[in-house]
Every structure is written in structure tokens, then in C-alpha cells.
Amino acid sequence: MQNVLVSACLMGERVRYDALIVPLSEIMTNLLRSKAVMIPFCPEIAGGLPVPRNHAEIAGKDGFAVLDRKSIVRNRIGDDVTLFYLNGAARALETAIKNNIGIAVLKEKSPSCGNSLIYDGNFTKRLKAGKGVTAALFERNGIHVFNEKEIEKAVEFLESYEKI
């Protein structure tokens, strides 16, 4: 069985910025668990942010731009929290490497974990195409990222991954 890094919030841990619990459905959790060992991880907590915390968004393009120091992550009261996101992404990558992880299932829309959509940086609840900081770092390092709505796709990938 492969190890898969999963956003801790999707595993029912109280790590979200608003301290709410919004785990994957039991059906999706069981489907993923049938093919992989799930390792929960929250880059934002690993980077040093508390729960609860102010909502944050990437001000600029996306997580790739943050990694390249061309954008920042700021919270809704205007604080630059980029360093927390960079540190959390680095720790997530260390965890992935240490556990031989090639696949991650991360929380969509998150400034850390979004793999296709993130908020636009203006705190207006508008979404834009882009990746969060951790998702971007994973992609740069060959780790395949899926979101919570792509569990079946992740399982299919795992099945093909095991055959290699």
C-alpha cells in the first residue's frame, strides 16, 4: 500500500482557520483507505499558525509566485503571513519525502493546499485558477496532488501507480 499525505482538516482534525470540522465523507475516506495509508498533515499548523486564525489569501498570482517570492500571503487584517506558509510547505515536503509519498489529497481553495482553485486575494470570496503554496511545492517536486472532490481520480492514480 502506498502512503498518501492528506490534509488534516479532511481527516476531521480541528486545524482549519475557523476551527470548524469538515472531514471527507465516510464513503470517500473508506475508498481512499482501501488503497493507501493516509498520513494527515496541516501545512498551516506545521508552519506555526494557530487555530483559530484570520483567513488568509494569496495576494498576487498563486503558490508558485509565492515560492518564487513574487507574491505574498496575507490575512484578512493585512498581516503578511507568507513565512508561515513557506515553512509549512517545506515541512509538508519533508514529511512526504520521509514517508515516500508520491500522492497527496489536499483541501481545495486553501492558500496552502488548493490544487486548482484558490481565493483571488481580495477577500471577496471570488475564486481564481491557481495552486496553494504547498500544492505548488509538491508539484515542483513530482508529488501528484488531488483535492477532496477528486478521490476517485486519486484512487485510480494509486492503482496505476502500484502497477509501475
Protein backbone atom coordinates (compact mmCIF):
# COMPACT_ATOMS: atom_id res chain seq x y z
CA MET A 1 0.00 0.00 0.00
CA GLN A 2 1.17 3.49 -0.84
CA ASN A 3 1.38 6.33 1.68
CA VAL A 4 -0.77 9.34 0.83
CA LEU A 5 -0.49 12.70 2.56
CA VAL A 6 -3.99 14.05 3.31
CA SER A 7 -4.94 17.49 4.57
CA ALA A 8 -5.56 17.02 8.29
CA CYS A 9 -8.80 19.02 8.09
CA LEU A 10 -10.18 16.42 5.67
CA MET A 11 -9.39 13.75 8.28
CA GLY A 12 -11.57 15.50 10.87
CA GLU A 13 -8.80 17.31 12.75
CA ARG A 14 -9.67 20.75 14.08
CA VAL A 15 -6.97 22.65 12.19
CA ARG A 16 -8.94 24.92 9.84
CA TYR A 17 -8.56 28.67 10.19
CA ASP A 18 -12.09 28.88 11.64
CA ALA A 19 -11.71 25.75 13.83
CA LEU A 20 -14.60 24.02 12.03
CA ILE A 21 -14.51 20.32 11.25
CA VAL A 22 -15.34 19.43 7.63
CA PRO A 23 -13.99 15.93 7.01
CA LEU A 24 -14.30 13.80 3.92
CA SER A 25 -17.40 11.66 3.78
CA GLU A 26 -17.03 8.19 5.27
CA ILE A 27 -17.51 6.69 1.80
CA MET A 28 -14.62 8.72 0.38
CA THR A 29 -12.42 8.07 3.41
CA ASN A 30 -13.04 4.32 3.17
CA LEU A 31 -12.38 4.33 -0.58
CA LEU A 32 -9.04 6.06 -0.12
CA ARG A 33 -8.14 3.97 2.94
CA SER A 34 -8.75 0.79 0.91
CA LYS A 35 -5.86 1.73 -1.37
CA ALA A 36 -3.50 3.75 0.81
CA VAL A 37 -2.16 4.56 4.23
CA MET A 38 -3.38 8.09 4.93
CA ILE A 39 -0.98 10.42 6.71
CA PRO A 40 -2.75 13.55 7.99
CA PHE A 41 -0.83 16.81 7.76
CA CYS A 42 -1.68 20.51 8.02
CA PRO A 43 0.94 22.81 6.48
CA GLU A 44 -0.51 25.88 8.16
CA ILE A 45 -0.22 24.37 11.64
CA ALA A 46 3.23 22.92 10.81
CA GLY A 47 4.26 26.40 9.68
CA GLY A 48 3.34 27.86 13.08
CA LEU A 49 -0.15 29.28 12.65
CA PRO A 50 -2.71 28.87 15.46
CA VAL A 51 -6.32 27.67 15.44
CA PRO A 52 -8.39 29.70 15.06
CA ARG A 53 -6.59 32.25 12.88
CA ASN A 54 -7.51 35.01 10.47
CA HIS A 55 -8.48 33.84 6.99
CA ALA A 56 -5.60 34.26 4.54
CA GLU A 57 -5.35 34.53 0.76
CA ILE A 58 -2.54 34.77 -1.76
CA ALA A 59 -2.13 38.40 -2.83
CA GLY A 60 -0.90 38.01 -6.38
CA LYS A 61 -0.79 35.10 -8.75
CA ASP A 62 -0.63 31.78 -6.83
CA GLY A 63 1.54 29.45 -4.78
CA PHE A 64 4.22 29.22 -7.47
CA ALA A 65 4.63 33.01 -7.31
CA VAL A 66 4.85 32.80 -3.50
CA LEU A 67 7.58 30.15 -3.78
CA ASP A 68 9.42 32.44 -6.21
CA ARG A 69 8.95 35.41 -3.82
CA LYS A 70 6.82 37.28 -6.39
CA SER A 71 3.60 37.17 -4.32
CA ILE A 72 2.75 37.11 -0.64
CA VAL A 73 0.13 35.51 1.58
CA ARG A 74 -1.72 37.97 3.77
CA ASN A 75 -4.52 37.56 6.24
CA ARG A 76 -7.76 39.48 6.22
CA ILE A 77 -6.40 42.14 8.59
CA GLY A 78 -3.45 42.78 6.27
CA ASP A 79 -0.64 40.91 8.03
CA ASP A 80 1.96 39.29 5.78
CA VAL A 81 1.90 35.61 6.79
CA THR A 82 3.96 34.32 3.87
CA LEU A 83 6.72 32.87 6.02
CA PHE A 84 4.25 30.61 7.85
CA TYR A 85 3.02 29.24 4.52
CA LEU A 86 6.52 28.73 3.15
CA ASN A 87 7.66 26.98 6.34
CA GLY A 88 4.57 24.79 6.38
CA ALA A 89 5.06 23.82 2.73
CA ALA A 90 8.71 22.93 3.42
CA ARG A 91 7.68 20.74 6.37
CA ALA A 92 4.99 19.07 4.27
CA LEU A 93 7.59 18.26 1.62
CA GLU A 94 9.96 16.88 4.29
CA THR A 95 7.14 14.67 5.58
CA ALA A 96 6.32 13.50 2.06
CA ILE A 97 9.94 12.63 1.29
CA LYS A 98 10.45 10.90 4.65
CA ASN A 99 7.34 8.76 4.07
CA ASN A 100 7.97 8.04 0.38
CA ILE A 101 4.78 9.86 -0.64
CA GLY A 102 4.02 10.38 -4.31
CA ILE A 103 0.38 11.42 -3.94
CA ALA A 104 -1.43 13.95 -1.77
CA VAL A 105 -5.13 14.71 -1.28
CA LEU A 106 -5.37 18.33 -0.23
CA LYS A 107 -8.15 20.82 0.62
CA GLU A 108 -9.27 22.76 -2.42
CA LYS A 109 -9.42 26.60 -2.25
CA SER A 110 -6.84 26.77 0.56
CA PRO A 111 -3.88 29.16 0.20
CA SER A 112 -1.74 26.18 1.23
CA CYS A 113 -3.46 23.21 -0.30
CA GLY A 114 -5.63 24.28 -3.23
CA ASN A 115 -4.65 22.29 -6.30
CA SER A 116 -6.73 24.07 -8.95
CA LEU A 117 -8.71 26.87 -7.27
CA ILE A 118 -7.73 29.45 -4.68
CA TYR A 119 -9.35 32.68 -3.49
CA ASP A 120 -8.40 35.75 -5.53
CA GLY A 121 -6.55 37.63 -2.77
CA ASN A 122 -9.14 40.36 -2.31
CA PHE A 123 -11.22 38.67 0.42
CA THR A 124 -14.37 38.87 -1.71
CA LYS A 125 -15.00 35.08 -1.83
CA ARG A 126 -14.15 35.04 -5.53
CA LEU A 127 -12.11 32.13 -6.79
CA LYS A 128 -9.40 32.01 -9.42
CA ALA A 129 -7.42 29.25 -11.05
CA GLY A 130 -4.21 28.56 -9.17
CA LYS A 131 -2.42 26.44 -6.63
CA GLY A 132 -1.72 26.99 -2.97
CA VAL A 133 1.84 27.16 -1.67
CA THR A 134 2.12 23.52 -0.54
CA ALA A 135 0.38 22.20 -3.66
CA ALA A 136 2.80 24.20 -5.83
CA LEU A 137 5.83 22.92 -3.92
CA PHE A 138 4.56 19.35 -4.20
CA GLU A 139 4.03 19.75 -7.94
CA ARG A 140 7.55 21.12 -8.37
CA ASN A 141 8.84 18.03 -6.60
CA GLY A 142 6.86 15.45 -8.55
CA ILE A 143 4.16 14.76 -5.97
CA HIS A 144 0.72 14.38 -7.58
CA VAL A 145 -1.94 16.50 -5.87
CA PHE A 146 -5.67 15.80 -5.86
CA ASN A 147 -8.41 17.62 -3.95
CA GLU A 148 -11.29 16.26 -1.88
CA LYS A 149 -13.57 16.15 -4.93
CA GLU A 150 -11.07 14.02 -6.84
CA ILE A 151 -10.88 10.99 -4.53
CA GLU A 152 -11.94 8.53 -7.23
CA LYS A 153 -9.32 10.03 -9.56
CA ALA A 154 -6.70 9.74 -6.81
CA VAL A 155 -7.62 6.09 -6.24
CA GLU A 156 -7.36 5.38 -9.98
CA PHE A 157 -3.94 7.03 -10.00
CA LEU A 158 -2.90 4.97 -6.96
CA GLU A 159 -3.95 1.77 -8.71
CA SER A 160 -1.89 2.66 -11.79
CA TYR A 161 0.97 3.86 -9.58
CA GLU A 162 1.10 0.46 -7.83
CA LYS A 163 1.46 -1.36 -11.16
CA ILE A 164 4.64 0.54 -12.03
